[in-house]
Amino acid sequence: MKIADLITWFENWANPAWQESWDNCGWQIEPGVLEQPARVLICLTPTLAVIHEAIALQNSGTPVNLIFAHHPLIFSPLKSLRTGNAIAEITRLAFTHNIGIYTAHTNFDQVQDGTADVLASLLELKQVTPIVPTQAGVGYGRVGKLNPSLTLQELLTQIQTKLAPPNLIFSPTENLQQRINRVAVLGGSGASFISDVVKTGAQAYLTSDCKFHQFQESRDRGLILIDAGHYATERPACDHLVAKFNSLDVDWVQLSQKDEDFRQFHFKD
């Protein structure tokens, strides 16, 4: 399958026209690779480490020619590209080594079988619907039922096991044995959706990048807020995308091994 055909297939599934006005989905760098057979490295964030990984694969005999990322390389209009700037260096290396960079962000968040559905599936939620529908069958986040229900402690253990975050942050509670049967999920920064989640009747909400007062707000509104980190809540969707691409006639596809979780915790002995 050519890169052009792969991108056409993807955009028919997760239309970039769905993206938010502030977003930048689609081609970030296209150095003339559209007619080449697709050899794809999938990552959450297109960093210098990831493009160096792609170049190392080229040097070892795997001619990677596309980095397919969830997070955009470019969010705001660039005023300059200068030595020492990461975006400038990524751009230079991408053109030098003929590696395209394509991004699927808020369109991939909304689509069926995208970031939110992957999280819902990992937690085995049933009767799943979007937290905020945006159009027929798609929307931001997912809410569904746990059947059978779990205690809060069991739910936290399941999240830790399935997502393997460095640590979990969650709303203070007096009873880890309370039964949880309705859960909302949204990969990445989802604290702005707290009011929408409350309206769904969810008892717990798994997302990331939550602030002090957002935990306070959730507690005061009877919602258990669970922050597993941006990387942990979105990286599984990248792994799932590898499986979807493998089901197509893609020449080569692999999940990046140099994708980074930029949030770590220090534990005292």
Protein backbone atom coordinates (compact mmCIF):
# COMPACT_ATOMS: atom_id res chain seq x y z
CA MET A 1 0.00 0.00 0.00
CA LYS A 2 1.32 3.42 -0.93
CA ILE A 3 1.51 6.15 1.69
CA ALA A 4 -1.05 8.19 -0.26
CA ASP A 5 -3.51 5.27 -0.15
CA LEU A 6 -2.91 4.71 3.56
CA ILE A 7 -3.61 8.35 4.35
CA THR A 8 -6.74 8.30 2.16
CA TRP A 9 -7.99 5.23 4.04
CA PHE A 10 -7.27 6.84 7.39
CA GLU A 11 -8.93 10.16 6.53
CA ASN A 12 -12.05 8.36 5.29
CA TRP A 13 -12.23 6.78 8.76
CA ALA A 14 -11.09 9.70 10.97
CA ASN A 15 -11.85 12.81 8.97
CA PRO A 16 -9.36 15.64 9.67
CA ALA A 17 -12.24 18.08 9.10
CA TRP A 18 -13.46 17.05 12.58
CA GLN A 19 -10.44 18.62 14.25
CA GLU A 20 -10.80 21.56 16.62
CA SER A 21 -10.02 25.05 15.34
CA TRP A 22 -6.86 25.22 17.48
CA ASP A 23 -5.60 21.83 16.28
CA ASN A 24 -3.26 20.91 13.43
CA CYS A 25 -4.10 17.45 12.13
CA GLY A 26 -2.78 16.02 8.87
CA TRP A 27 0.57 16.44 7.17
CA GLN A 28 3.24 18.15 9.25
CA ILE A 29 6.09 17.31 6.86
CA GLU A 30 5.66 15.68 3.44
CA PRO A 31 9.05 15.41 1.70
CA GLY A 32 7.73 13.67 -1.45
CA VAL A 33 6.94 10.20 -0.12
CA LEU A 34 3.29 9.82 -1.16
CA GLU A 35 3.93 7.29 -3.93
CA GLN A 36 6.28 5.13 -1.85
CA PRO A 37 5.19 1.88 -0.16
CA ALA A 38 4.15 2.72 3.41
CA ARG A 39 6.73 1.83 6.07
CA VAL A 40 5.33 3.38 9.20
CA LEU A 41 6.64 4.12 12.68
CA ILE A 42 3.70 4.99 14.97
CA CYS A 43 4.19 7.19 18.04
CA LEU A 44 2.33 9.36 20.49
CA THR A 45 4.61 12.41 20.11
CA PRO A 46 6.99 13.13 17.20
CA THR A 47 10.16 13.99 19.12
CA LEU A 48 13.84 14.07 18.19
CA ALA A 49 14.18 10.65 19.84
CA VAL A 50 11.52 9.19 17.53
CA ILE A 51 13.00 10.58 14.32
CA HIS A 52 16.44 9.33 15.37
CA GLU A 53 14.79 5.94 15.90
CA ALA A 54 13.38 6.07 12.36
CA ILE A 55 16.80 6.96 10.96
CA ALA A 56 18.42 4.11 12.92
CA LEU A 57 15.87 1.72 11.42
CA GLN A 58 16.72 3.02 7.95
CA ASN A 59 20.41 2.44 8.65
CA SER A 60 19.71 -1.12 9.80
CA GLY A 61 17.86 -1.98 6.60
CA THR A 62 14.24 -1.05 7.32
CA PRO A 63 13.47 1.95 5.07
CA VAL A 64 11.01 3.80 7.32
CA ASN A 65 9.44 6.68 5.42
CA LEU A 66 6.51 7.79 7.61
CA ILE A 67 6.15 8.76 11.26
CA PHE A 68 2.46 8.61 12.13
CA ALA A 69 1.85 10.53 15.37
CA HIS A 70 -1.08 11.42 17.60
CA HIS A 71 0.28 14.76 18.81
CA PRO A 72 1.04 17.42 16.18
CA LEU A 73 4.62 18.47 15.59
CA ILE A 74 3.46 22.01 14.84
CA PHE A 75 0.64 23.66 16.83
CA SER A 76 1.25 27.34 16.20
CA PRO A 77 2.56 29.20 13.14
CA LEU A 78 6.35 29.09 13.18
CA LYS A 79 8.18 32.41 13.12
CA SER A 80 11.58 30.89 12.43
CA LEU A 81 13.52 27.63 12.11
CA ARG A 82 16.92 27.95 13.73
CA THR A 83 19.74 25.68 14.82
CA GLY A 84 19.15 24.39 18.33
CA ASN A 85 15.37 24.40 17.96
CA ALA A 86 13.85 20.91 18.20
CA ILE A 87 11.20 21.45 15.52
CA ALA A 88 13.84 22.86 13.18
CA GLU A 89 16.09 19.85 13.76
CA ILE A 90 13.23 17.37 13.26
CA THR A 91 12.31 19.17 10.04
CA ARG A 92 15.90 19.08 8.78
CA LEU A 93 16.26 15.38 9.53
CA ALA A 94 12.85 14.53 8.03
CA PHE A 95 13.73 16.16 4.69
CA THR A 96 17.32 14.85 4.73
CA HIS A 97 16.18 11.27 5.30
CA ASN A 98 12.94 11.46 3.31
CA ILE A 99 10.64 10.75 6.27
CA GLY A 100 7.11 12.16 6.30
CA ILE A 101 5.38 13.15 9.53
CA TYR A 102 1.58 12.91 9.71
CA THR A 103 -0.63 13.69 12.71
CA ALA A 104 -4.08 12.49 13.78
CA HIS A 105 -5.15 14.30 16.94
CA THR A 106 -8.67 15.49 17.83
CA ASN A 107 -10.14 13.63 14.86
CA PHE A 108 -8.62 10.39 16.23
CA ASP A 109 -9.94 11.26 19.71
CA GLN A 110 -13.53 11.44 18.43
CA VAL A 111 -13.75 8.58 15.96
CA GLN A 112 -15.17 5.15 16.77
CA ASP A 113 -12.30 2.81 17.73
CA GLY A 114 -10.05 5.81 18.44
CA THR A 115 -8.35 6.92 21.67
CA ALA A 116 -11.49 6.97 23.83
CA ASP A 117 -12.87 3.64 22.64
CA VAL A 118 -9.51 1.97 23.21
CA LEU A 119 -9.56 3.11 26.85
CA ALA A 120 -13.17 1.99 27.27
CA SER A 121 -12.30 -1.40 25.81
CA LEU A 122 -9.30 -1.85 28.11
CA LEU A 123 -11.58 -1.29 31.12
CA GLU A 124 -14.20 -3.62 29.54
CA LEU A 125 -16.95 -1.00 29.68
CA LYS A 126 -20.33 -2.00 28.28
CA GLN A 127 -23.10 0.03 26.60
CA VAL A 128 -20.56 2.72 25.74
CA THR A 129 -21.57 6.16 24.47
CA PRO A 130 -19.64 9.44 23.97
CA ILE A 131 -19.40 11.84 26.91
CA VAL A 132 -19.86 14.71 24.47
CA PRO A 133 -21.30 13.64 21.09
CA THR A 134 -20.03 15.77 18.23
CA GLN A 135 -21.86 14.07 15.38
CA ALA A 136 -23.53 10.73 14.64
CA GLY A 137 -21.64 7.90 16.32
CA VAL A 138 -18.59 9.91 17.37
CA GLY A 139 -17.58 12.36 20.08
CA TYR A 140 -15.18 13.09 22.93
CA GLY A 141 -14.64 10.54 25.69
CA ARG A 142 -16.72 7.48 26.46
CA VAL A 143 -18.94 6.47 29.36
CA GLY A 144 -20.19 2.98 30.06
CA LYS A 145 -21.06 0.32 32.60
CA LEU A 146 -18.87 -2.12 34.47
CA ASN A 147 -20.55 -5.51 34.48
CA PRO A 148 -19.87 -6.90 37.00
CA SER A 149 -19.24 -3.80 39.07
CA LEU A 150 -15.87 -3.33 40.79
CA THR A 151 -14.81 -1.82 44.06
CA LEU A 152 -12.87 1.42 43.69
CA GLN A 153 -9.74 -0.45 44.78
CA GLU A 154 -10.31 -3.10 42.10
CA LEU A 155 -10.87 -0.40 39.47
CA LEU A 156 -7.65 1.39 40.43
CA THR A 157 -5.78 -1.92 40.32
CA GLN A 158 -7.20 -2.69 36.88
CA ILE A 159 -6.16 0.74 35.57
CA GLN A 160 -2.66 0.30 37.01
CA THR A 161 -2.39 -3.16 35.44
CA LYS A 162 -3.76 -2.23 32.01
CA LEU A 163 -2.11 1.19 31.56
CA ALA A 164 1.05 0.84 33.71
CA PRO A 165 1.32 4.54 34.63
CA PRO A 166 4.22 5.65 36.86
CA ASN A 167 1.61 6.44 39.49
CA LEU A 168 -2.11 7.09 39.84
CA ILE A 169 -3.53 10.27 41.32
CA PHE A 170 -7.15 10.08 42.43
CA SER A 171 -9.71 11.98 44.46
CA PRO A 172 -9.56 11.42 48.22
CA THR A 173 -12.10 8.89 49.39
CA GLU A 174 -12.94 7.28 52.69
CA ASN A 175 -14.03 3.99 51.17
CA LEU A 176 -11.98 2.08 48.62
CA GLN A 177 -14.55 -0.71 48.87
CA GLN A 178 -17.42 1.33 47.39
CA ARG A 179 -18.92 -0.30 44.31
CA ILE A 180 -18.31 1.37 40.96
CA ASN A 181 -20.60 0.45 38.07
CA ARG A 182 -20.46 3.49 35.75
CA VAL A 183 -17.14 4.90 34.50
CA ALA A 184 -16.14 7.66 32.08
CA VAL A 185 -12.82 7.78 30.21
CA LEU A 186 -11.05 10.34 28.04
CA GLY A 187 -7.42 9.99 26.94
CA GLY A 188 -5.12 12.97 27.36
CA SER A 189 -6.12 16.28 28.97
CA GLY A 190 -9.75 15.79 29.89
CA ALA A 191 -10.34 17.89 33.00
CA SER A 192 -12.33 20.47 31.03
CA PHE A 193 -15.01 17.80 30.52
CA ILE A 194 -15.76 17.31 34.25
CA SER A 195 -19.16 19.02 34.06
CA ASP A 196 -20.12 16.91 31.05
CA VAL A 197 -19.02 13.73 32.86
CA VAL A 198 -21.11 14.59 35.91
CA LYS A 199 -24.19 14.82 33.65
CA THR A 200 -23.63 11.23 32.48
CA GLY A 201 -24.02 9.82 35.98
CA ALA A 202 -20.52 8.32 36.00
CA GLN A 203 -19.10 7.60 39.45
CA ALA A 204 -15.45 7.66 38.32
CA TYR A 205 -13.64 9.47 35.52
CA LEU A 206 -10.29 8.33 34.09
CA THR A 207 -8.30 11.02 32.27
CA SER A 208 -5.08 13.04 32.77
CA ASP A 209 -3.40 16.42 33.35
CA CYS A 210 -5.78 17.38 36.17
CA LYS A 211 -5.07 20.31 38.48
CA PHE A 212 -5.54 20.74 42.23
CA HIS A 213 -8.84 22.61 41.99
CA GLN A 214 -10.22 20.18 39.41
CA PHE A 215 -9.82 17.39 41.96
CA GLN A 216 -11.62 19.62 44.45
CA GLU A 217 -14.41 20.31 41.96
CA SER A 218 -14.84 16.62 41.20
CA ARG A 219 -14.97 15.66 44.86
CA ASP A 220 -17.55 18.37 45.58
CA ARG A 221 -19.67 17.10 42.69
CA GLY A 222 -19.52 13.46 43.76
CA LEU A 223 -17.16 12.31 41.00
CA ILE A 224 -14.01 10.28 41.63
CA LEU A 225 -11.33 11.78 39.39
CA ILE A 226 -8.50 9.45 38.36
CA ASP A 227 -5.40 10.88 36.66
CA ALA A 228 -3.20 8.21 35.07
CA GLY A 229 -1.06 10.63 33.05
CA HIS A 230 -1.20 11.79 29.44
CA TYR A 231 1.13 9.10 28.09
CA ALA A 232 -0.56 6.17 29.82
CA THR A 233 -4.06 7.14 28.68
CA GLU A 234 -3.15 7.68 25.00
CA ARG A 235 -0.26 5.33 24.23
CA PRO A 236 -2.60 2.26 24.07
CA ALA A 237 -4.42 3.87 21.12
CA CYS A 238 -1.10 4.07 19.25
CA ASP A 239 -0.56 0.36 19.85
CA HIS A 240 -4.10 -0.29 18.59
CA LEU A 241 -3.36 1.75 15.48
CA VAL A 242 -0.45 -0.57 14.71
CA ALA A 243 -2.91 -3.48 14.71
CA LYS A 244 -5.30 -1.60 12.41
CA PHE A 245 -2.50 -0.79 9.95
CA ASN A 246 -1.32 -4.40 10.06
CA SER A 247 -4.79 -5.48 8.94
CA LEU A 248 -4.24 -3.44 5.78
CA ASP A 249 -1.73 -4.16 3.04
CA VAL A 250 0.96 -2.01 4.70
CA ASP A 251 4.52 -2.97 3.84
CA TRP A 252 5.86 -2.44 7.38
CA VAL A 253 4.51 -0.91 10.61
CA GLN A 254 5.86 -0.78 14.14
CA LEU A 255 5.17 1.02 17.42
CA SER A 256 7.93 3.42 18.43
CA GLN A 257 10.21 2.22 21.21
CA LYS A 258 11.52 5.74 21.84
CA ASP A 259 8.20 7.40 22.62
CA GLU A 260 8.62 9.14 25.94
CA ASP A 261 6.49 9.66 29.04
CA PHE A 262 7.48 13.13 30.19
CA ARG A 263 5.87 12.71 33.64
CA GLN A 264 7.73 10.63 36.20
CA PHE A 265 7.59 10.28 39.96
CA HIS A 266 10.41 9.98 42.46
CA PHE A 267 9.86 7.40 45.17
CA LYS A 268 11.61 7.65 48.53
CA ASP A 269 13.18 4.46 49.88
